[in-house]
Structures are given as structure tokens and as C-alpha cells.
Amino acid sequence: MREVRVVTIGDARLPSTFILLDISQSGARLKASDMTGLPKEFYLVLRENLMKCCRVAWRNKTQAGVRFIKEPNTPAK
């Protein structure tokens, strides 16, 4: 487990730090105190020079599973 940052594609406000529980080639599982504000698509900052575009596959109150995608469907604001 380690901390990672989330950068929104639009201008949504949410906690920027999440806990990375699991990661694979196709996606990851994140944890935070409240996942309700996590947008459907966002960028996951794994380290300073590595970001992955993600789409939420499932979520509950404290965890979310995300898939890595090539490009967001959500238009940037």
C-alpha cells in the first residue's frame, strides 16, 4: 500500500490523496475515507513521471476499482 494522487479531468473537487491497495496491467484498487466524490474518469498519478487515465469500474463508500483507459470520454472544462 502506498499513497497516490488523483487529478480530475474536469474541475471537480475531491481529496487528492488515495491509498493504492492493488495494481495490475489493466487497473487498480483505491481506498479513501469517502469515494462518493470520485469522478467516473480521472488521472491517477502513480509517480512524478507516470500518470494513467482511469475509468471507475465499481465503487463503494471507501474503495473503488478502476480500469486503465487510453483516453477520457469526459470533455475537459
C-alpha atoms as a PDB file:
ATOM      1  CA  MET A   1       0.000   0.000   0.000  1.00  0.00           C
ATOM      2  CA  ARG A   2       1.160   3.497  -0.802  1.00  0.00           C
ATOM      3  CA  GLU A   3      -0.295   6.947  -1.320  1.00  0.00           C
ATOM      4  CA  VAL A   4      -1.146   8.107  -4.841  1.00  0.00           C
ATOM      5  CA  ARG A   5      -2.738  11.291  -6.183  1.00  0.00           C
ATOM      6  CA  VAL A   6      -5.827  11.748  -8.342  1.00  0.00           C
ATOM      7  CA  VAL A   7      -6.107  14.583 -10.840  1.00  0.00           C
ATOM      8  CA  THR A   8      -9.591  15.254 -12.180  1.00  0.00           C
ATOM      9  CA  ILE A   9     -10.222  15.698 -15.879  1.00  0.00           C
ATOM     10  CA  GLY A  10     -12.806  18.423 -15.224  1.00  0.00           C
ATOM     11  CA  ASP A  11     -12.767  20.752 -12.255  1.00  0.00           C
ATOM     12  CA  ALA A  12     -14.286  18.517  -9.572  1.00  0.00           C
ATOM     13  CA  ARG A  13     -13.042  18.993  -6.026  1.00  0.00           C
ATOM     14  CA  LEU A  14     -12.040  15.873  -4.099  1.00  0.00           C
ATOM     15  CA  PRO A  15      -9.332  14.610  -1.774  1.00  0.00           C
ATOM     16  CA  SER A  16      -6.166  14.420  -3.828  1.00  0.00           C
ATOM     17  CA  THR A  17      -4.520  11.572  -1.913  1.00  0.00           C
ATOM     18  CA  PHE A  18      -5.730   7.987  -2.019  1.00  0.00           C
ATOM     19  CA  ILE A  19      -4.236   4.675  -0.906  1.00  0.00           C
ATOM     20  CA  LEU A  20      -3.275   2.294  -3.715  1.00  0.00           C
ATOM     21  CA  LEU A  21      -4.296  -1.173  -2.477  1.00  0.00           C
ATOM     22  CA  ASP A  22      -3.692  -3.238  -5.633  1.00  0.00           C
ATOM     23  CA  ILE A  23      -2.432  -2.595  -9.157  1.00  0.00           C
ATOM     24  CA  SER A  24      -2.227  -4.685 -12.336  1.00  0.00           C
ATOM     25  CA  GLN A  25      -1.628  -4.003 -16.027  1.00  0.00           C
ATOM     26  CA  SER A  26      -5.341  -3.328 -16.572  1.00  0.00           C
ATOM     27  CA  GLY A  27      -6.348  -1.401 -13.442  1.00  0.00           C
ATOM     28  CA  ALA A  28      -6.085  -0.672  -9.738  1.00  0.00           C
ATOM     29  CA  ARG A  29      -7.987  -0.631  -6.454  1.00  0.00           C
ATOM     30  CA  LEU A  30      -8.014   2.592  -4.419  1.00  0.00           C
ATOM     31  CA  LYS A  31      -9.062   3.417  -0.866  1.00  0.00           C
ATOM     32  CA  ALA A  32     -10.150   6.709   0.735  1.00  0.00           C
ATOM     33  CA  SER A  33     -12.422   7.738   3.580  1.00  0.00           C
ATOM     34  CA  ASP A  34     -15.182   8.674   1.089  1.00  0.00           C
ATOM     35  CA  MET A  35     -15.333   7.640  -2.579  1.00  0.00           C
ATOM     36  CA  THR A  36     -18.646   9.333  -3.411  1.00  0.00           C
ATOM     37  CA  GLY A  37     -16.934  12.392  -4.935  1.00  0.00           C
ATOM     38  CA  LEU A  38     -14.584  10.399  -7.181  1.00  0.00           C
ATOM     39  CA  PRO A  39     -15.483  11.225 -10.806  1.00  0.00           C
ATOM     40  CA  LYS A  40     -16.161   8.478 -13.367  1.00  0.00           C
ATOM     41  CA  GLU A  41     -12.908   9.296 -15.203  1.00  0.00           C
ATOM     42  CA  PHE A  42      -9.689  10.828 -13.878  1.00  0.00           C
ATOM     43  CA  TYR A  43      -5.902  10.646 -13.996  1.00  0.00           C
ATOM     44  CA  LEU A  44      -4.102   8.548 -11.394  1.00  0.00           C
ATOM     45  CA  VAL A  45      -0.606   9.869 -10.579  1.00  0.00           C
ATOM     46  CA  LEU A  46       1.489   6.817  -9.720  1.00  0.00           C
ATOM     47  CA  ARG A  47       4.763   8.726  -9.536  1.00  0.00           C
ATOM     48  CA  GLU A  48       6.089  12.069 -10.747  1.00  0.00           C
ATOM     49  CA  ASN A  49       6.529  10.992 -14.369  1.00  0.00           C
ATOM     50  CA  LEU A  50       3.760   8.345 -14.646  1.00  0.00           C
ATOM     51  CA  MET A  51       0.022   9.044 -14.898  1.00  0.00           C
ATOM     52  CA  LYS A  52      -2.711   6.650 -16.008  1.00  0.00           C
ATOM     53  CA  CYS A  53      -6.114   7.674 -17.317  1.00  0.00           C
ATOM     54  CA  CYS A  54      -8.758   5.704 -15.387  1.00  0.00           C
ATOM     55  CA  ARG A  55     -12.454   4.859 -15.503  1.00  0.00           C
ATOM     56  CA  VAL A  56     -14.285   3.647 -12.387  1.00  0.00           C
ATOM     57  CA  ALA A  57     -15.452   0.030 -12.784  1.00  0.00           C
ATOM     58  CA  TRP A  58     -17.039  -0.237  -9.318  1.00  0.00           C
ATOM     59  CA  ARG A  59     -17.102   1.642  -6.034  1.00  0.00           C
ATOM     60  CA  ASN A  60     -18.421   1.515  -2.519  1.00  0.00           C
ATOM     61  CA  LYS A  61     -18.109   4.102   0.260  1.00  0.00           C
ATOM     62  CA  THR A  62     -14.368   3.605   0.931  1.00  0.00           C
ATOM     63  CA  GLN A  63     -12.936   1.741  -2.098  1.00  0.00           C
ATOM     64  CA  ALA A  64     -13.040   1.853  -5.898  1.00  0.00           C
ATOM     65  CA  GLY A  65     -11.836  -0.406  -8.666  1.00  0.00           C
ATOM     66  CA  VAL A  66     -10.610   1.403 -11.775  1.00  0.00           C
ATOM     67  CA  ARG A  67      -9.654   0.330 -15.299  1.00  0.00           C
ATOM     68  CA  PHE A  68      -6.815   1.982 -17.154  1.00  0.00           C
ATOM     69  CA  ILE A  69      -8.013   3.529 -20.435  1.00  0.00           C
ATOM     70  CA  LYS A  70      -6.211   5.238 -23.316  1.00  0.00           C
ATOM     71  CA  GLU A  71      -8.251   8.478 -23.408  1.00  0.00           C
ATOM     72  CA  PRO A  72     -11.015  10.049 -21.325  1.00  0.00           C
ATOM     73  CA  ASN A  73     -14.575  10.269 -22.676  1.00  0.00           C
ATOM     74  CA  THR A  74     -15.341  13.214 -20.395  1.00  0.00           C
ATOM     75  CA  PRO A  75     -14.661  16.561 -22.101  1.00  0.00           C
ATOM     76  CA  ALA A  76     -12.167  18.744 -20.234  1.00  0.00           C
ATOM     77  CA  LYS A  77     -13.549  22.033 -18.888  1.00  0.00           C
END
